[in-house]
């Protein structure tokens, strides 16, 4: 599902809301998750899962074109762990 499909699904479930209002809610939702992760926090949505970040250490990588070794700096990457209810739903338990 892409963002526009999500907006359409929400619009069909909530015909009393204008498209602009639904888009604003979706924007706020995703912005708040991104902001919390940028601050080093964690976002937990019960029954769905938890978003957090993980640290990746600096390492040596390779340029795929030239094969030359390059330094890849340390960084934080987003991480998602599905909740128990989501895992059960996916596995048909």
PDB file of N, CA and C in Angstrom:
ATOM      1  N   UNK A   1       0.841  -1.174   0.000  1.00  0.00           N
ATOM      2  CA  UNK A   1       0.000   0.000   0.000  1.00  0.00           C
ATOM      3  C   UNK A   1       0.887   1.238   0.000  1.00  0.00           C
ATOM      4  N   UNK A   2       0.523   2.183  -0.804  1.00  0.00           N
ATOM      5  CA  UNK A   2       1.245   3.448  -0.846  1.00  0.00           C
ATOM      6  C   UNK A   2       0.399   4.519  -0.153  1.00  0.00           C
ATOM      7  N   UNK A   3       0.997   5.660   0.072  1.00  0.00           N
ATOM      8  CA  UNK A   3       0.354   6.731   0.840  1.00  0.00           C
ATOM      9  C   UNK A   3      -1.005   7.121   0.263  1.00  0.00           C
ATOM     10  N   UNK A   4      -1.098   7.262  -1.050  1.00  0.00           N
ATOM     11  CA  UNK A   4      -2.363   7.674  -1.664  1.00  0.00           C
ATOM     12  C   UNK A   4      -3.451   6.619  -1.463  1.00  0.00           C
ATOM     13  N   UNK A   5      -3.080   5.351  -1.458  1.00  0.00           N
ATOM     14  CA  UNK A   5      -4.059   4.287  -1.206  1.00  0.00           C
ATOM     15  C   UNK A   5      -4.540   4.335   0.247  1.00  0.00           C
ATOM     16  N   UNK A   6      -3.636   4.643   1.165  1.00  0.00           N
ATOM     17  CA  UNK A   6      -4.014   4.794   2.564  1.00  0.00           C
ATOM     18  C   UNK A   6      -5.008   5.939   2.715  1.00  0.00           C
ATOM     19  N   UNK A   7      -4.723   7.060   2.067  1.00  0.00           N
ATOM     20  CA  UNK A   7      -5.626   8.215   2.128  1.00  0.00           C
ATOM     21  C   UNK A   7      -7.002   7.864   1.563  1.00  0.00           C
ATOM     22  N   UNK A   8      -7.040   7.129   0.467  1.00  0.00           N
ATOM     23  CA  UNK A   8      -8.319   6.731  -0.137  1.00  0.00           C
ATOM     24  C   UNK A   8      -9.099   5.807   0.789  1.00  0.00           C
ATOM     25  N   UNK A   9      -8.394   4.856   1.428  1.00  0.00           N
ATOM     26  CA  UNK A   9      -9.058   3.931   2.354  1.00  0.00           C
ATOM     27  C   UNK A   9      -9.641   4.688   3.543  1.00  0.00           C
ATOM     28  N   UNK A  10      -8.892   5.629   4.088  1.00  0.00           N
ATOM     29  CA  UNK A  10      -9.389   6.423   5.204  1.00  0.00           C
ATOM     30  C   UNK A  10     -10.572   7.293   4.782  1.00  0.00           C
ATOM     31  N   UNK A  11     -10.515   7.825   3.574  1.00  0.00           N
ATOM     32  CA  UNK A  11     -11.612   8.653   3.059  1.00  0.00           C
ATOM     33  C   UNK A  11     -12.879   7.819   2.905  1.00  0.00           C
ATOM     34  N   UNK A  12     -12.771   6.598   2.406  1.00  0.00           N
ATOM     35  CA  UNK A  12     -13.969   5.768   2.232  1.00  0.00           C
ATOM     36  C   UNK A  12     -14.553   5.331   3.574  1.00  0.00           C
ATOM     37  N   UNK A  13     -13.708   5.174   4.602  1.00  0.00           N
ATOM     38  CA  UNK A  13     -14.192   4.803   5.935  1.00  0.00           C
ATOM     39  C   UNK A  13     -14.715   5.998   6.723  1.00  0.00           C
ATOM     40  N   UNK A  14     -14.358   7.210   6.314  1.00  0.00           N
ATOM     41  CA  UNK A  14     -14.743   8.436   7.025  1.00  0.00           C
ATOM     42  C   UNK A  14     -15.256   9.486   6.051  1.00  0.00           C
ATOM     43  N   UNK A  15     -16.405   9.257   5.420  1.00  0.00           N
ATOM     44  CA  UNK A  15     -16.901  10.198   4.406  1.00  0.00           C
ATOM     45  C   UNK A  15     -17.253  11.578   4.966  1.00  0.00           C
ATOM     46  N   UNK A  16     -17.421  11.675   6.304  1.00  0.00           N
ATOM     47  CA  UNK A  16     -17.754  12.971   6.897  1.00  0.00           C
ATOM     48  C   UNK A  16     -16.555  13.908   6.962  1.00  0.00           C
ATOM     49  N   UNK A  17     -15.351  13.378   6.759  1.00  0.00           N
ATOM     50  CA  UNK A  17     -14.142  14.208   6.785  1.00  0.00           C
ATOM     51  C   UNK A  17     -13.736  14.602   5.373  1.00  0.00           C
ATOM     52  N   UNK A  18     -13.217  15.815   5.254  1.00  0.00           N
ATOM     53  CA  UNK A  18     -12.707  16.271   3.954  1.00  0.00           C
ATOM     54  C   UNK A  18     -11.358  15.605   3.688  1.00  0.00           C
ATOM     55  N   UNK A  19     -10.984  15.500   2.423  1.00  0.00           N
ATOM     56  CA  UNK A  19      -9.714  14.881   2.032  1.00  0.00           C
ATOM     57  C   UNK A  19      -8.533  15.613   2.667  1.00  0.00           C
ATOM     58  N   UNK A  20      -8.628  16.943   2.780  1.00  0.00           N
ATOM     59  CA  UNK A  20      -7.548  17.731   3.371  1.00  0.00           C
ATOM     60  C   UNK A  20      -7.365  17.396   4.851  1.00  0.00           C
ATOM     61  N   UNK A  21      -8.466  17.152   5.533  1.00  0.00           N
ATOM     62  CA  UNK A  21      -8.391  16.803   6.954  1.00  0.00           C
ATOM     63  C   UNK A  21      -7.732  15.437   7.158  1.00  0.00           C
ATOM     64  N   UNK A  22      -8.090  14.494   6.323  1.00  0.00           N
ATOM     65  CA  UNK A  22      -7.496  13.159   6.413  1.00  0.00           C
ATOM     66  C   UNK A  22      -6.013  13.227   6.110  1.00  0.00           C
ATOM     67  N   UNK A  23      -5.646  13.976   5.086  1.00  0.00           N
ATOM     68  CA  UNK A  23      -4.236  14.114   4.743  1.00  0.00           C
ATOM     69  C   UNK A  23      -3.458  14.771   5.879  1.00  0.00           C
ATOM     70  N   UNK A  24      -4.069  15.742   6.541  1.00  0.00           N
ATOM     71  CA  UNK A  24      -3.414  16.413   7.667  1.00  0.00           C
ATOM     72  C   UNK A  24      -3.189  15.435   8.823  1.00  0.00           C
ATOM     73  N   UNK A  25      -4.160  14.586   9.106  1.00  0.00           N
ATOM     74  CA  UNK A  25      -4.026  13.598  10.176  1.00  0.00           C
ATOM     75  C   UNK A  25      -2.900  12.624   9.857  1.00  0.00           C
ATOM     76  N   UNK A  26      -2.850  12.138   8.630  1.00  0.00           N
ATOM     77  CA  UNK A  26      -1.800  11.197   8.226  1.00  0.00           C
ATOM     78  C   UNK A  26      -0.424  11.869   8.315  1.00  0.00           C
ATOM     79  N   UNK A  27      -0.329  13.116   7.870  1.00  0.00           N
ATOM     80  CA  UNK A  27       0.935  13.851   7.953  1.00  0.00           C
ATOM     81  C   UNK A  27       1.395  13.993   9.398  1.00  0.00           C
ATOM     82  N   UNK A  28       0.481  14.366  10.280  1.00  0.00           N
ATOM     83  CA  UNK A  28       0.819  14.528  11.697  1.00  0.00           C
ATOM     84  C   UNK A  28       1.275  13.196  12.285  1.00  0.00           C
ATOM     85  N   UNK A  29       0.572  12.133  11.967  1.00  0.00           N
ATOM     86  CA  UNK A  29       0.906  10.799  12.482  1.00  0.00           C
ATOM     87  C   UNK A  29       2.336  10.419  12.114  1.00  0.00           C
ATOM     88  N   UNK A  30       2.675  10.507  10.839  1.00  0.00           N
ATOM     89  CA  UNK A  30       4.009  10.115  10.391  1.00  0.00           C
ATOM     90  C   UNK A  30       5.082  11.089  10.865  1.00  0.00           C
ATOM     91  N   UNK A  31       4.762  12.383  10.910  1.00  0.00           N
ATOM     92  CA  UNK A  31       5.729  13.370  11.389  1.00  0.00           C
ATOM     93  C   UNK A  31       6.067  13.143  12.859  1.00  0.00           C
ATOM     94  N   UNK A  32       5.070  12.806  13.664  1.00  0.00           N
ATOM     95  CA  UNK A  32       5.313  12.558  15.081  1.00  0.00           C
ATOM     96  C   UNK A  32       6.193  11.327  15.288  1.00  0.00           C
ATOM     97  N   UNK A  33       5.957  10.274  14.525  1.00  0.00           N
ATOM     98  CA  UNK A  33       6.799   9.073  14.617  1.00  0.00           C
ATOM     99  C   UNK A  33       8.233   9.427  14.230  1.00  0.00           C
ATOM    100  N   UNK A  34       8.400  10.123  13.110  1.00  0.00           N
ATOM    101  CA  UNK A  34       9.739  10.490  12.643  1.00  0.00           C
ATOM    102  C   UNK A  34      10.449  11.401  13.644  1.00  0.00           C
ATOM    103  N   UNK A  35       9.720  12.355  14.213  1.00  0.00           N
ATOM    104  CA  UNK A  35      10.309  13.282  15.180  1.00  0.00           C
ATOM    105  C   UNK A  35      10.777  12.538  16.419  1.00  0.00           C
ATOM    106  N   UNK A  36       9.963  11.636  16.921  1.00  0.00           N
ATOM    107  CA  UNK A  36      10.332  10.882  18.124  1.00  0.00           C
ATOM    108  C   UNK A  36      11.565  10.020  17.868  1.00  0.00           C
ATOM    109  N   UNK A  37      11.633   9.388  16.696  1.00  0.00           N
ATOM    110  CA  UNK A  37      12.803   8.573  16.363  1.00  0.00           C
ATOM    111  C   UNK A  37      14.045   9.442  16.217  1.00  0.00           C
ATOM    112  N   UNK A  38      13.902  10.628  15.621  1.00  0.00           N
ATOM    113  CA  UNK A  38      15.034  11.543  15.450  1.00  0.00           C
ATOM    114  C   UNK A  38      15.581  11.986  16.804  1.00  0.00           C
ATOM    115  N   UNK A  39      14.710  12.054  17.808  1.00  0.00           N
ATOM    116  CA  UNK A  39      15.132  12.435  19.156  1.00  0.00           C
ATOM    117  C   UNK A  39      15.732  11.263  19.923  1.00  0.00           C
ATOM    118  N   UNK A  40      15.762  10.092  19.281  1.00  0.00           N
ATOM    119  CA  UNK A  40      16.314   8.912  19.937  1.00  0.00           C
ATOM    120  C   UNK A  40      15.287   8.137  20.731  1.00  0.00           C
ATOM    121  N   UNK A  41      14.015   8.488  20.578  1.00  0.00           N
ATOM    122  CA  UNK A  41      12.956   7.828  21.323  1.00  0.00           C
ATOM    123  C   UNK A  41      12.433   6.585  20.633  1.00  0.00           C
ATOM    124  N   UNK A  42      11.322   6.098  21.162  1.00  0.00           N
ATOM    125  CA  UNK A  42      10.701   4.874  20.687  1.00  0.00           C
ATOM    126  C   UNK A  42       9.212   5.136  20.552  1.00  0.00           C
ATOM    127  N   UNK A  43       8.568   4.533  19.561  1.00  0.00           N
ATOM    128  CA  UNK A  43       7.125   4.673  19.374  1.00  0.00           C
ATOM    129  C   UNK A  43       6.516   3.284  19.395  1.00  0.00           C
ATOM    130  N   UNK A  44       5.600   3.054  20.330  1.00  0.00           N
ATOM    131  CA  UNK A  44       4.954   1.748  20.450  1.00  0.00           C
ATOM    132  C   UNK A  44       3.471   1.886  20.157  1.00  0.00           C
ATOM    133  N   UNK A  45       2.988   1.097  19.208  1.00  0.00           N
ATOM    134  CA  UNK A  45       1.571   1.066  18.859  1.00  0.00           C
ATOM    135  C   UNK A  45       1.055  -0.316  19.249  1.00  0.00           C
ATOM    136  N   UNK A  46       0.353  -0.407  20.360  1.00  0.00           N
ATOM    137  CA  UNK A  46      -0.105  -1.684  20.895  1.00  0.00           C
ATOM    138  C   UNK A  46      -0.866  -2.481  19.841  1.00  0.00           C
ATOM    139  N   UNK A  47      -0.520  -3.745  19.720  1.00  0.00           N
ATOM    140  CA  UNK A  47      -1.164  -4.619  18.753  1.00  0.00           C
ATOM    141  C   UNK A  47      -0.570  -4.528  17.365  1.00  0.00           C
ATOM    142  N   UNK A  48       0.237  -3.522  17.115  1.00  0.00           N
ATOM    143  CA  UNK A  48       0.849  -3.343  15.796  1.00  0.00           C
ATOM    144  C   UNK A  48       2.340  -3.592  15.864  1.00  0.00           C
ATOM    145  N   UNK A  49       3.052  -2.793  16.663  1.00  0.00           N
ATOM    146  CA  UNK A  49       4.493  -2.975  16.786  1.00  0.00           C
ATOM    147  C   UNK A  49       5.159  -1.748  17.363  1.00  0.00           C
ATOM    148  N   UNK A  50       6.485  -1.789  17.359  1.00  0.00           N
ATOM    149  CA  UNK A  50       7.262  -0.700  17.944  1.00  0.00           C
ATOM    150  C   UNK A  50       8.333  -0.236  16.966  1.00  0.00           C
ATOM    151  N   UNK A  51       8.454   1.075  16.842  1.00  0.00           N
ATOM    152  CA  UNK A  51       9.495   1.696  16.026  1.00  0.00           C
ATOM    153  C   UNK A  51      10.587   2.187  16.964  1.00  0.00           C
ATOM    154  N   UNK A  52      11.825   1.959  16.592  1.00  0.00           N
ATOM    155  CA  UNK A  52      12.957   2.458  17.362  1.00  0.00           C
ATOM    156  C   UNK A  52      14.117   2.652  16.390  1.00  0.00           C
ATOM    157  N   UNK A  53      15.269   3.015  16.928  1.00  0.00           N
ATOM    158  CA  UNK A  53      16.456   3.141  16.087  1.00  0.00           C
ATOM    159  C   UNK A  53      17.539   2.227  16.631  1.00  0.00           C
ATOM    160  N   UNK A  54      18.432   1.860  15.769  1.00  0.00           N
ATOM    161  CA  UNK A  54      19.581   1.048  16.148  1.00  0.00           C
ATOM    162  C   UNK A  54      20.840   1.733  15.635  1.00  0.00           C
ATOM    163  N   UNK A  55      21.914   1.536  16.381  1.00  0.00           N
ATOM    164  CA  UNK A  55      23.205   2.114  15.995  1.00  0.00           C
ATOM    165  C   UNK A  55      23.944   1.149  15.071  1.00  0.00           C
ATOM    166  N   UNK A  56      24.474   1.670  13.998  1.00  0.00           N
ATOM    167  CA  UNK A  56      25.353   0.888  13.128  1.00  0.00           C
ATOM    168  C   UNK A  56      26.748   1.464  13.271  1.00  0.00           C
ATOM    169  N   UNK A  57      27.705   0.612  13.523  1.00  0.00           N
ATOM    170  CA  UNK A  57      29.077   1.077  13.697  1.00  0.00           C
ATOM    171  C   UNK A  57      29.706   1.416  12.352  1.00  0.00           C
ATOM    172  N   UNK A  58      30.762   2.223  12.394  1.00  0.00           N
ATOM    173  CA  UNK A  58      31.507   2.556  11.175  1.00  0.00           C
ATOM    174  C   UNK A  58      32.148   1.271  10.653  1.00  0.00           C
ATOM    175  N   UNK A  59      32.288   1.189   9.339  1.00  0.00           N
ATOM    176  CA  UNK A  59      32.869  -0.015   8.748  1.00  0.00           C
ATOM    177  C   UNK A  59      33.527   0.316   7.421  1.00  0.00           C
ATOM    178  N   UNK A  60      34.247  -0.643   6.904  1.00  0.00           N
ATOM    179  CA  UNK A  60      34.826  -0.520   5.567  1.00  0.00           C
ATOM    180  C   UNK A  60      33.851  -1.123   4.576  1.00  0.00           C
ATOM    181  N   UNK A  61      33.583  -0.386   3.507  1.00  0.00           N
ATOM    182  CA  UNK A  61      32.714  -0.880   2.448  1.00  0.00           C
ATOM    183  C   UNK A  61      33.474  -0.899   1.134  1.00  0.00           C
ATOM    184  N   UNK A  62      32.801  -1.282   0.089  1.00  0.00           N
ATOM    185  CA  UNK A  62      33.411  -1.320  -1.240  1.00  0.00           C
ATOM    186  C   UNK A  62      32.547  -0.557  -2.228  1.00  0.00           C
ATOM    187  N   UNK A  63      33.198   0.224  -3.073  1.00  0.00           N
ATOM    188  CA  UNK A  63      32.509   0.873  -4.178  1.00  0.00           C
ATOM    189  C   UNK A  63      32.215  -0.225  -5.194  1.00  0.00           C
ATOM    190  N   UNK A  64      30.946  -0.484  -5.524  1.00  0.00           N
ATOM    191  CA  UNK A  64      30.636  -1.590  -6.430  1.00  0.00           C
ATOM    192  C   UNK A  64      31.172  -1.405  -7.851  1.00  0.00           C
ATOM    193  N   UNK A  65      31.376  -0.183  -8.266  1.00  0.00           N
ATOM    194  CA  UNK A  65      31.891   0.057  -9.618  1.00  0.00           C
ATOM    195  C   UNK A  65      33.385  -0.180  -9.727  1.00  0.00           C
ATOM    196  N   UNK A  66      34.113   0.340  -8.737  1.00  0.00           N
ATOM    197  CA  UNK A  66      35.577   0.279  -8.834  1.00  0.00           C
ATOM    198  C   UNK A  66      36.195  -0.785  -7.936  1.00  0.00           C
ATOM    199  N   UNK A  67      35.445  -1.259  -6.942  1.00  0.00           N
ATOM    200  CA  UNK A  67      35.997  -2.218  -6.003  1.00  0.00           C
ATOM    201  C   UNK A  67      36.866  -1.556  -4.944  1.00  0.00           C
ATOM    202  N   UNK A  68      36.978  -0.232  -4.993  1.00  0.00           N
ATOM    203  CA  UNK A  68      37.809   0.516  -4.055  1.00  0.00           C
ATOM    204  C   UNK A  68      37.184   0.503  -2.659  1.00  0.00           C
ATOM    205  N   UNK A  69      38.006   0.353  -1.629  1.00  0.00           N
ATOM    206  CA  UNK A  69      37.528   0.378  -0.248  1.00  0.00           C
ATOM    207  C   UNK A  69      37.145   1.807   0.131  1.00  0.00           C
ATOM    208  N   UNK A  70      36.013   1.947   0.799  1.00  0.00           N
ATOM    209  CA  UNK A  70      35.553   3.256   1.264  1.00  0.00           C
ATOM    210  C   UNK A  70      35.123   3.136   2.720  1.00  0.00           C
ATOM    211  N   UNK A  71      35.259   4.240   3.453  1.00  0.00           N
ATOM    212  CA  UNK A  71      34.823   4.267   4.844  1.00  0.00           C
ATOM    213  C   UNK A  71      33.332   4.598   4.893  1.00  0.00           C
ATOM    214  N   UNK A  72      32.577   3.763   5.577  1.00  0.00           N
ATOM    215  CA  UNK A  72      31.154   4.011   5.788  1.00  0.00           C
ATOM    216  C   UNK A  72      31.021   4.470   7.233  1.00  0.00           C
ATOM    217  N   UNK A  73      30.518   5.689   7.450  1.00  0.00           N
ATOM    218  CA  UNK A  73      30.458   6.229   8.819  1.00  0.00           C
ATOM    219  C   UNK A  73      29.401   5.527   9.678  1.00  0.00           C
ATOM    220  N   UNK A  74      29.536   5.666  10.982  1.00  0.00           N
ATOM    221  CA  UNK A  74      28.530   5.153  11.914  1.00  0.00           C
ATOM    222  C   UNK A  74      27.238   5.930  11.699  1.00  0.00           C
ATOM    223  N   UNK A  75      26.115   5.266  11.943  1.00  0.00           N
ATOM    224  CA  UNK A  75      24.835   5.944  11.761  1.00  0.00           C
ATOM    225  C   UNK A  75      23.745   5.236  12.546  1.00  0.00           C
ATOM    226  N   UNK A  76      22.633   5.941  12.723  1.00  0.00           N
ATOM    227  CA  UNK A  76      21.438   5.353  13.324  1.00  0.00           C
ATOM    228  C   UNK A  76      20.476   4.993  12.206  1.00  0.00           C
ATOM    229  N   UNK A  77      19.852   3.839  12.319  1.00  0.00           N
ATOM    230  CA  UNK A  77      18.899   3.389  11.310  1.00  0.00           C
ATOM    231  C   UNK A  77      17.568   3.044  11.988  1.00  0.00           C
ATOM    232  N   UNK A  78      16.450   3.253  11.298  1.00  0.00           N
ATOM    233  CA  UNK A  78      15.158   2.907  11.883  1.00  0.00           C
ATOM    234  C   UNK A  78      14.998   1.393  11.972  1.00  0.00           C
ATOM    235  N   UNK A  79      14.253   0.954  12.986  1.00  0.00           N
ATOM    236  CA  UNK A  79      14.021  -0.465  13.210  1.00  0.00           C
ATOM    237  C   UNK A  79      12.567  -0.640  13.621  1.00  0.00           C
ATOM    238  N   UNK A  80      11.922  -1.683  13.116  1.00  0.00           N
ATOM    239  CA  UNK A  80      10.541  -1.967  13.466  1.00  0.00           C
ATOM    240  C   UNK A  80      10.437  -3.394  13.968  1.00  0.00           C
ATOM    241  N   UNK A  81       9.770  -3.568  15.095  1.00  0.00           N
ATOM    242  CA  UNK A  81       9.521  -4.905  15.624  1.00  0.00           C
ATOM    243  C   UNK A  81       8.013  -5.082  15.708  1.00  0.00           C
ATOM    244  N   UNK A  82       7.500  -6.065  14.976  1.00  0.00           N
ATOM    245  CA  UNK A  82       6.061  -6.325  14.972  1.00  0.00           C
ATOM    246  C   UNK A  82       5.605  -6.796  16.343  1.00  0.00           C
ATOM    247  N   UNK A  83       4.412  -6.365  16.737  1.00  0.00           N
ATOM    248  CA  UNK A  83       3.835  -6.775  18.002  1.00  0.00           C
ATOM    249  C   UNK A  83       3.284  -8.192  17.930  1.00  0.00           C
ATOM    250  N   UNK A  84       2.942  -8.744  19.083  1.00  0.00           N
ATOM    251  CA  UNK A  84       2.456 -10.116  19.175  1.00  0.00           C
ATOM    252  C   UNK A  84       1.198 -10.322  18.324  1.00  0.00           C
ATOM    253  N   UNK A  85       0.237  -9.409  18.418  1.00  0.00           N
ATOM    254  CA  UNK A  85      -0.997  -9.537  17.642  1.00  0.00           C
ATOM    255  C   UNK A  85      -0.725  -9.498  16.138  1.00  0.00           C
ATOM    256  N   UNK A  86       0.214  -8.651  15.710  1.00  0.00           N
ATOM    257  CA  UNK A  86       0.553  -8.568  14.284  1.00  0.00           C
ATOM    258  C   UNK A  86       1.191  -9.874  13.810  1.00  0.00           C
ATOM    259  N   UNK A  87       2.113 -10.413  14.605  1.00  0.00           N
ATOM    260  CA  UNK A  87       2.756 -11.673  14.228  1.00  0.00           C
ATOM    261  C   UNK A  87       1.735 -12.797  14.141  1.00  0.00           C
ATOM    262  N   UNK A  88       0.791 -12.848  15.072  1.00  0.00           N
ATOM    263  CA  UNK A  88      -0.248 -13.866  15.033  1.00  0.00           C
ATOM    264  C   UNK A  88      -1.128 -13.712  13.802  1.00  0.00           C
ATOM    265  N   UNK A  89      -1.446 -12.493  13.470  1.00  0.00           N
ATOM    266  CA  UNK A  89      -2.271 -12.224  12.289  1.00  0.00           C
ATOM    267  C   UNK A  89      -1.568 -12.652  11.003  1.00  0.00           C
ATOM    268  N   UNK A  90      -0.271 -12.372  10.925  1.00  0.00           N
ATOM    269  CA  UNK A  90       0.494 -12.739   9.727  1.00  0.00           C
ATOM    270  C   UNK A  90       0.665 -14.231   9.573  1.00  0.00           C
ATOM    271  N   UNK A  91       0.772 -14.939  10.696  1.00  0.00           N
ATOM    272  CA  UNK A  91       1.011 -16.372  10.656  1.00  0.00           C
ATOM    273  C   UNK A  91      -0.243 -17.207  10.806  1.00  0.00           C
ATOM    274  N   UNK A  92      -1.410 -16.552  10.851  1.00  0.00           N
ATOM    275  CA  UNK A  92      -2.669 -17.266  10.903  1.00  0.00           C
ATOM    276  C   UNK A  92      -2.906 -18.058  12.173  1.00  0.00           C
ATOM    277  N   UNK A  93      -2.262 -17.649  13.257  1.00  0.00           N
ATOM    278  CA  UNK A  93      -2.436 -18.373  14.540  1.00  0.00           C
ATOM    279  C   UNK A  93      -3.743 -18.000  15.199  1.00  0.00           C
TER     280      UNK A  93
END
